[in-house]
C-alpha cells in the first residue's frame, strides 16, 4: 500500500464515524486533488477555531474551486455546519473529509466526475 492509499484508507475509516454511507470514489478523487498537502500534518487538517483558516477554505475552495456564488453569511453557515458535523472535540478534521462534506452540501459532485 503506497502513502496515498494509506491516507485514503484512513479517511474512509474516519468518515464512517460521521457519514456511514459515503461515496468512496468521490472521497478518493477529493483526496487526490489535494496533492502533497495531505502528507503535511498542519495542512492535512482544517482548524475550525481559526477564522483565517476558515476564510481561506471559503475563498479558495468554496468560491474558487466549487464556484459557489452566495452571501458570506450563507458560506459561513455552511462552514459552521461542517465543523459541527465533524465534532467540536475532534482535533483531526481532515481536509479531505471536510471538503467532501462541503462538496456534498453544495451538490458539486459533478466537479469530481
C-alpha atoms as a PDB file:
ATOM      1  CA  UNK A   1       0.000   0.000   0.000  1.00  0.00           C
ATOM      2  CA  UNK A   2       1.526   3.331  -1.024  1.00  0.00           C
ATOM      3  CA  UNK A   3       1.223   6.541   1.024  1.00  0.00           C
ATOM      4  CA  UNK A   4      -1.777   7.829  -0.927  1.00  0.00           C
ATOM      5  CA  UNK A   5      -3.645   4.552  -0.441  1.00  0.00           C
ATOM      6  CA  UNK A   6      -2.821   4.673   3.281  1.00  0.00           C
ATOM      7  CA  UNK A   7      -4.277   8.182   3.577  1.00  0.00           C
ATOM      8  CA  UNK A   8      -7.400   7.223   1.628  1.00  0.00           C
ATOM      9  CA  UNK A   9      -7.879   4.186   3.895  1.00  0.00           C
ATOM     10  CA  UNK A  10      -7.518   6.420   6.981  1.00  0.00           C
ATOM     11  CA  UNK A  11     -10.041   8.947   5.661  1.00  0.00           C
ATOM     12  CA  UNK A  12     -12.505   6.192   4.745  1.00  0.00           C
ATOM     13  CA  UNK A  13     -12.271   4.837   8.268  1.00  0.00           C
ATOM     14  CA  UNK A  14     -12.739   8.274   9.856  1.00  0.00           C
ATOM     15  CA  UNK A  15     -15.600   9.438   7.630  1.00  0.00           C
ATOM     16  CA  UNK A  16     -17.667   6.381   8.605  1.00  0.00           C
ATOM     17  CA  UNK A  17     -17.961   7.892  12.098  1.00  0.00           C
ATOM     18  CA  UNK A  18     -19.888  10.894  10.763  1.00  0.00           C
ATOM     19  CA  UNK A  19     -21.183   9.733   7.371  1.00  0.00           C
ATOM     20  CA  UNK A  20     -21.736   5.942   7.417  1.00  0.00           C
ATOM     21  CA  UNK A  21     -22.970   5.879   3.808  1.00  0.00           C
ATOM     22  CA  UNK A  22     -20.454   7.844   1.788  1.00  0.00           C
ATOM     23  CA  UNK A  23     -19.280   7.924  -1.819  1.00  0.00           C
ATOM     24  CA  UNK A  24     -15.875   6.223  -1.740  1.00  0.00           C
ATOM     25  CA  UNK A  25     -14.962   7.296  -5.270  1.00  0.00           C
ATOM     26  CA  UNK A  26     -15.735  10.936  -4.529  1.00  0.00           C
ATOM     27  CA  UNK A  27     -13.641  10.850  -1.340  1.00  0.00           C
ATOM     28  CA  UNK A  28     -10.743   9.309  -3.286  1.00  0.00           C
ATOM     29  CA  UNK A  29     -10.944  11.976  -6.014  1.00  0.00           C
ATOM     30  CA  UNK A  30     -11.061  14.817  -3.498  1.00  0.00           C
ATOM     31  CA  UNK A  31      -8.104  13.316  -1.624  1.00  0.00           C
ATOM     32  CA  UNK A  32      -6.063  13.032  -4.832  1.00  0.00           C
ATOM     33  CA  UNK A  33      -6.938  16.623  -5.784  1.00  0.00           C
ATOM     34  CA  UNK A  34      -5.346  17.868  -2.557  1.00  0.00           C
ATOM     35  CA  UNK A  35      -1.932  16.689  -3.737  1.00  0.00           C
ATOM     36  CA  UNK A  36       1.011  16.655  -1.325  1.00  0.00           C
ATOM     37  CA  UNK A  37      -0.785  18.755   1.308  1.00  0.00           C
ATOM     38  CA  UNK A  38      -2.273  15.570   2.807  1.00  0.00           C
ATOM     39  CA  UNK A  39       1.216  14.487   3.874  1.00  0.00           C
ATOM     40  CA  UNK A  40       1.867  17.637   5.936  1.00  0.00           C
ATOM     41  CA  UNK A  41       0.403  17.452   9.439  1.00  0.00           C
ATOM     42  CA  UNK A  42      -0.711  21.090   9.585  1.00  0.00           C
ATOM     43  CA  UNK A  43      -2.055  21.274   6.023  1.00  0.00           C
ATOM     44  CA  UNK A  44      -3.830  17.919   6.281  1.00  0.00           C
ATOM     45  CA  UNK A  45      -6.387  19.247   8.748  1.00  0.00           C
ATOM     46  CA  UNK A  46      -8.778  22.189   8.946  1.00  0.00           C
ATOM     47  CA  UNK A  47      -8.885  24.241  12.135  1.00  0.00           C
ATOM     48  CA  UNK A  48     -12.447  25.345  12.785  1.00  0.00           C
ATOM     49  CA  UNK A  49     -11.215  27.581  15.610  1.00  0.00           C
ATOM     50  CA  UNK A  50      -9.107  29.665  13.205  1.00  0.00           C
ATOM     51  CA  UNK A  51     -11.054  32.418  11.421  1.00  0.00           C
ATOM     52  CA  UNK A  52      -8.147  32.834   8.966  1.00  0.00           C
ATOM     53  CA  UNK A  53      -8.235  29.138   8.075  1.00  0.00           C
ATOM     54  CA  UNK A  54     -11.990  29.150   7.507  1.00  0.00           C
ATOM     55  CA  UNK A  55     -11.698  32.292   5.384  1.00  0.00           C
ATOM     56  CA  UNK A  56      -9.102  30.528   3.188  1.00  0.00           C
ATOM     57  CA  UNK A  57     -11.363  27.491   2.801  1.00  0.00           C
ATOM     58  CA  UNK A  58     -14.244  29.791   1.896  1.00  0.00           C
ATOM     59  CA  UNK A  59     -12.301  31.787  -0.708  1.00  0.00           C
ATOM     60  CA  UNK A  60     -10.027  29.125  -2.189  1.00  0.00           C
ATOM     61  CA  UNK A  61     -12.282  26.088  -2.073  1.00  0.00           C
ATOM     62  CA  UNK A  62     -15.937  27.065  -1.848  1.00  0.00           C
ATOM     63  CA  UNK A  63     -15.811  30.144  -4.070  1.00  0.00           C
ATOM     64  CA  UNK A  64     -12.920  29.392  -6.458  1.00  0.00           C
ATOM     65  CA  UNK A  65     -12.959  25.594  -6.734  1.00  0.00           C
ATOM     66  CA  UNK A  66     -16.666  24.871  -6.284  1.00  0.00           C
ATOM     67  CA  UNK A  67     -17.807  28.100  -7.931  1.00  0.00           C
ATOM     68  CA  UNK A  68     -20.384  28.879  -5.268  1.00  0.00           C
ATOM     69  CA  UNK A  69     -21.827  32.379  -5.524  1.00  0.00           C
ATOM     70  CA  UNK A  70     -23.580  33.012  -2.229  1.00  0.00           C
ATOM     71  CA  UNK A  71     -23.522  35.573   0.558  1.00  0.00           C
ATOM     72  CA  UNK A  72     -20.800  35.468   3.192  1.00  0.00           C
ATOM     73  CA  UNK A  73     -23.470  34.598   5.757  1.00  0.00           C
ATOM     74  CA  UNK A  74     -24.571  31.542   3.760  1.00  0.00           C
ATOM     75  CA  UNK A  75     -20.985  30.382   3.253  1.00  0.00           C
ATOM     76  CA  UNK A  76     -20.102  30.936   6.911  1.00  0.00           C
ATOM     77  CA  UNK A  77     -23.205  28.959   7.899  1.00  0.00           C
ATOM     78  CA  UNK A  78     -22.128  26.058   5.658  1.00  0.00           C
ATOM     79  CA  UNK A  79     -18.638  26.072   7.189  1.00  0.00           C
ATOM     80  CA  UNK A  80     -20.119  26.110  10.693  1.00  0.00           C
ATOM     81  CA  UNK A  81     -22.403  23.178   9.847  1.00  0.00           C
ATOM     82  CA  UNK A  82     -19.484  21.100   8.561  1.00  0.00           C
ATOM     83  CA  UNK A  83     -17.394  21.987  11.634  1.00  0.00           C
ATOM     84  CA  UNK A  84     -20.262  20.903  13.889  1.00  0.00           C
ATOM     85  CA  UNK A  85     -20.875  17.726  11.901  1.00  0.00           C
ATOM     86  CA  UNK A  86     -17.219  16.756  12.302  1.00  0.00           C
ATOM     87  CA  UNK A  87     -17.454  17.447  16.042  1.00  0.00           C
ATOM     88  CA  UNK A  88     -16.027  20.198  18.203  1.00  0.00           C
ATOM     89  CA  UNK A  89     -13.960  17.709  20.196  1.00  0.00           C
ATOM     90  CA  UNK A  90     -12.499  16.196  17.014  1.00  0.00           C
ATOM     91  CA  UNK A  91      -8.966  17.609  16.787  1.00  0.00           C
ATOM     92  CA  UNK A  92      -8.301  15.928  13.435  1.00  0.00           C
ATOM     93  CA  UNK A  93     -10.720  17.466  10.993  1.00  0.00           C
ATOM     94  CA  UNK A  94      -9.074  16.014   7.919  1.00  0.00           C
ATOM     95  CA  UNK A  95      -9.195  18.379   4.951  1.00  0.00           C
ATOM     96  CA  UNK A  96     -10.245  15.616   2.529  1.00  0.00           C
ATOM     97  CA  UNK A  97     -13.283  14.779   4.674  1.00  0.00           C
ATOM     98  CA  UNK A  98     -14.048  18.451   5.343  1.00  0.00           C
ATOM     99  CA  UNK A  99     -14.012  19.190   1.608  1.00  0.00           C
ATOM    100  CA  UNK A 100     -16.055  16.046   0.895  1.00  0.00           C
ATOM    101  CA  UNK A 101     -18.793  17.295   3.230  1.00  0.00           C
ATOM    102  CA  UNK A 102     -18.742  20.730   1.568  1.00  0.00           C
ATOM    103  CA  UNK A 103     -18.939  19.176  -1.913  1.00  0.00           C
ATOM    104  CA  UNK A 104     -21.962  17.116  -0.831  1.00  0.00           C
ATOM    105  CA  UNK A 105     -23.585  20.089   0.914  1.00  0.00           C
ATOM    106  CA  UNK A 106     -23.349  22.248  -2.207  1.00  0.00           C
ATOM    107  CA  UNK A 107     -24.157  19.312  -4.541  1.00  0.00           C
ATOM    108  CA  UNK A 108     -20.983  19.808  -6.582  1.00  0.00           C
ATOM    109  CA  UNK A 109     -20.046  16.135  -7.028  1.00  0.00           C
ATOM    110  CA  UNK A 110     -20.012  16.637 -10.808  1.00  0.00           C
ATOM    111  CA  UNK A 111     -16.774  18.653 -10.479  1.00  0.00           C
ATOM    112  CA  UNK A 112     -15.020  15.421  -9.491  1.00  0.00           C
ATOM    113  CA  UNK A 113     -16.557  13.087 -12.081  1.00  0.00           C
END
